[in-house]
Amino acid sequence: MTEDNNDKARPARRDDWETEPMPEQHETFVLNRSFSDKEMSALRHGNIPRAMEDKWFWYMEGSTLWAHRSWTGYCIYQIEFKDDGHHVVTVNRNPEQYTRTSVEEDAESLNSLLDWWTQNSYDYYNEWISETHDTLKKAGKL
């Protein structure tokens, strides 16, 4: 992790966080979605977590976004953005790193994350609350 006070002003880079590569156990699917120039700019800027509740570190290299869990560094999603809106997603399937096994559930979760990440101001705390609520609801705790 860098200790650069200007981190917010520059895009996130791979070496800003301790990360793991995408494991050999993975699956790919196509995410059909369009992004505005402003949304792509937010994704290209990436995110370097600044609080425990901020569960994601992401950065872009070329046209590929790498999304890692901040606490473990595990690579969960790799998204290769395509001009035609048919983006190729690689998702982690190592059960010791990531427990989801359904492409449908991953597409839903990833779309929700992308909605958060492309807001004018990324609000990690409200994302964390929303994700916690959804998890509790699926577990029948709410």
Protein backbone atom coordinates (compact mmCIF):
# COMPACT_ATOMS: atom_id res chain seq x y z
CA MET A 1 0.00 0.00 0.00
CA THR A 2 1.27 3.45 -0.78
CA GLU A 3 1.08 6.31 1.68
CA ASP A 4 0.73 9.00 -0.97
CA ASN A 5 -1.52 11.87 0.19
CA ASN A 6 -2.44 12.47 -3.46
CA ASP A 7 -3.98 8.98 -3.93
CA LYS A 8 -7.48 10.44 -4.36
CA ALA A 9 -6.27 12.67 -7.20
CA ARG A 10 -4.72 9.89 -9.28
CA PRO A 11 -6.16 6.61 -10.54
CA ALA A 12 -5.64 3.49 -8.47
CA ARG A 13 -2.87 1.19 -9.63
CA ARG A 14 -2.21 -2.52 -9.13
CA ASP A 15 0.63 -1.85 -6.67
CA ASP A 16 -1.53 0.36 -4.41
CA TRP A 17 -2.84 -2.71 -2.57
CA GLU A 18 -1.65 -6.18 -1.70
CA THR A 19 -3.57 -8.43 -4.08
CA GLU A 20 -3.82 -12.02 -5.23
CA PRO A 21 -4.20 -13.03 -8.90
CA MET A 22 -7.40 -14.51 -10.31
CA PRO A 23 -7.24 -18.20 -9.31
CA GLU A 24 -7.16 -21.03 -11.83
CA GLN A 25 -10.66 -21.95 -10.64
CA HIS A 26 -12.79 -19.35 -12.39
CA GLU A 27 -15.71 -18.98 -14.76
CA THR A 28 -16.54 -16.46 -17.46
CA PHE A 29 -19.80 -14.90 -18.54
CA VAL A 30 -20.96 -11.92 -20.58
CA LEU A 31 -22.40 -8.88 -18.83
CA ASN A 32 -24.59 -6.85 -21.18
CA ARG A 33 -24.58 -3.28 -20.02
CA SER A 34 -23.72 0.15 -21.33
CA PHE A 35 -21.72 2.78 -19.47
CA SER A 36 -21.60 6.53 -20.01
CA ASP A 37 -18.26 8.27 -20.43
CA LYS A 38 -18.68 9.64 -16.88
CA GLU A 39 -19.31 6.15 -15.48
CA MET A 40 -16.30 4.72 -17.29
CA SER A 41 -14.21 7.57 -15.95
CA ALA A 42 -15.23 6.63 -12.38
CA LEU A 43 -14.33 3.00 -13.03
CA ARG A 44 -11.00 3.96 -14.61
CA HIS A 45 -10.18 6.02 -11.54
CA GLY A 46 -10.55 2.92 -9.36
CA ASN A 47 -10.76 2.79 -5.60
CA ILE A 48 -8.19 2.55 -2.84
CA PRO A 49 -10.00 1.64 0.40
CA ARG A 50 -9.69 4.16 3.23
CA ALA A 51 -11.88 2.53 5.90
CA MET A 52 -12.64 -0.99 7.16
CA GLU A 53 -16.18 -0.80 5.73
CA ASP A 54 -14.79 -0.25 2.23
CA LYS A 55 -14.60 -3.84 1.08
CA TRP A 56 -13.32 -3.28 -2.47
CA PHE A 57 -10.10 -2.28 -4.16
CA TRP A 58 -10.37 -1.91 -7.90
CA TYR A 59 -8.23 -0.52 -10.68
CA MET A 60 -8.09 -0.62 -14.45
CA GLU A 61 -5.29 -1.65 -16.77
CA GLY A 62 -6.15 -0.98 -20.39
CA SER A 63 -9.78 -1.98 -20.87
CA THR A 64 -9.79 -4.46 -17.97
CA LEU A 65 -11.06 -3.72 -14.46
CA TRP A 66 -9.70 -5.85 -11.63
CA ALA A 67 -11.87 -6.02 -8.48
CA HIS A 68 -10.34 -7.38 -5.27
CA ARG A 69 -11.75 -7.81 -1.79
CA SER A 70 -9.87 -5.27 0.31
CA TRP A 71 -9.39 -7.40 3.44
CA THR A 72 -7.98 -10.49 1.70
CA GLY A 73 -6.73 -9.12 -1.62
CA TYR A 74 -8.55 -11.94 -3.43
CA CYS A 75 -9.42 -11.13 -7.03
CA ILE A 76 -13.17 -11.69 -7.34
CA TYR A 77 -14.01 -10.08 -10.69
CA GLN A 78 -12.09 -9.23 -13.80
CA ILE A 79 -14.12 -7.29 -16.36
CA GLU A 80 -12.90 -6.81 -19.91
CA PHE A 81 -14.90 -3.87 -21.23
CA LYS A 82 -16.02 -4.12 -24.86
CA ASP A 83 -17.20 -1.28 -27.09
CA ASP A 84 -20.35 -3.23 -28.03
CA GLY A 85 -21.52 -3.46 -24.38
CA HIS A 86 -20.98 -7.23 -24.17
CA HIS A 87 -18.34 -7.18 -21.43
CA VAL A 88 -16.49 -10.40 -20.59
CA VAL A 89 -16.44 -11.10 -16.85
CA THR A 90 -14.15 -13.61 -15.21
CA VAL A 91 -15.33 -14.55 -11.72
CA ASN A 92 -13.45 -16.35 -8.95
CA ARG A 93 -14.67 -19.90 -8.29
CA ASN A 94 -12.13 -20.93 -5.65
CA PRO A 95 -14.45 -21.94 -2.78
CA GLU A 96 -11.81 -20.95 -0.21
CA GLN A 97 -11.83 -17.38 -1.57
CA TYR A 98 -15.38 -16.85 -2.85
CA THR A 99 -18.52 -18.83 -2.10
CA ARG A 100 -20.93 -17.83 -4.86
CA THR A 101 -21.38 -20.42 -7.59
CA SER A 102 -24.16 -18.95 -9.74
CA VAL A 103 -23.52 -16.77 -12.79
CA GLU A 104 -26.97 -15.23 -12.32
CA GLU A 105 -26.19 -14.27 -8.72
CA ASP A 106 -22.78 -12.92 -9.76
CA ALA A 107 -24.29 -10.84 -12.56
CA GLU A 108 -26.82 -9.36 -10.12
CA SER A 109 -24.16 -8.65 -7.50
CA LEU A 110 -21.72 -7.20 -10.02
CA ASN A 111 -24.37 -4.93 -11.53
CA SER A 112 -25.19 -3.66 -8.05
CA LEU A 113 -21.50 -3.03 -7.34
CA LEU A 114 -21.06 -1.23 -10.65
CA ASP A 115 -24.05 0.98 -9.79
CA TRP A 116 -22.32 1.95 -6.53
CA TRP A 117 -18.88 2.37 -8.10
CA THR A 118 -20.11 4.66 -10.87
CA GLN A 119 -22.02 7.11 -8.66
CA ASN A 120 -20.88 10.72 -8.59
CA SER A 121 -19.37 10.09 -5.18
CA TYR A 122 -18.65 6.46 -4.26
CA ASP A 123 -20.25 5.83 -0.88
CA TYR A 124 -18.60 2.67 0.45
CA TYR A 125 -20.43 2.87 3.79
CA ASN A 126 -23.91 2.76 2.24
CA GLU A 127 -22.72 0.00 -0.11
CA TRP A 128 -21.56 -1.97 2.94
CA ILE A 129 -24.93 -1.45 4.69
CA SER A 130 -26.80 -2.48 1.54
CA GLU A 131 -24.66 -5.58 1.02
CA THR A 132 -25.07 -6.59 4.68
CA HIS A 133 -28.85 -6.13 4.46
CA ASP A 134 -29.06 -8.24 1.27
CA THR A 135 -26.96 -11.01 2.84
CA LEU A 136 -29.13 -11.10 5.97
CA LYS A 137 -32.29 -11.11 3.88
CA LYS A 138 -31.08 -14.04 1.73
CA ALA A 139 -30.16 -15.91 4.92
CA GLY A 140 -33.70 -15.43 6.23
CA LYS A 141 -32.52 -13.26 9.13
CA LEU A 142 -34.75 -10.29 8.22
